[in-house]
């Protein structure tokens, strides 16, 4: 009786190739089904001020989906964004919340407990002091392609409400550099699954080649287990 050399390696090669391929495909599907932005990079930034308390504390770290111009990110009302506005922050990026977008009318009447968006009270559960929706009254109709920004810490935020001059305090959507997101754990896990699957696939391929090389050699005879006279 003869034993075929490399048979065990061949079996392991098939197992690893199949498992690796399934892991790579599964990771791709997982990433595609994620609610994250598929075409942007994710970065973490240290929060440099108190203007976004209590959502972000000074010195804490936030994750952001990065994309120039805000178009890839589909920025809208309520989003927290990183912006490049040299007139406001000469060095670095500004962190603020989009309160109103192009075409919206946003206003605050002194003595009221909420901003008005298009005539209706705006519910803002994220504001630090909900009894202080703004430190000054304003009435702004946001031009198309621009956004009106306010910090969540309304008592300590030098934002659109305090800049009534040029364009009534609004900034262009093109100033957006990133959108705040939760830590992209799902994408990190999906990436790890794909890497593990790729490694398994490569190891399986190597074992498969080795098994083929070994099988081409002359099979080894299986010696009997009883004594030979």
Foldseek 3Di string as FASTA:
>chain_A
DFDQPLPVLLVLLVVLQVQLVVLQVVLVVLLVPDPDQNPFDKDKDAACDPLAPPVHHHRDIFIWGFDFLCPSVVDAAFWWFWFDDCVVPVDGTDTWGFHHAAQWKWWDDPPDQAIAINRHGDDDPSAPDSSDHAPDTDIAHQHHQKTFTGHSDRVPTCALCVPCPPRSRIDGSRRTTTTTDHPVVSNVVSVVSNVVSVVSSVVSVVSNVVSVVSSVDDTDDDDDPDDDD
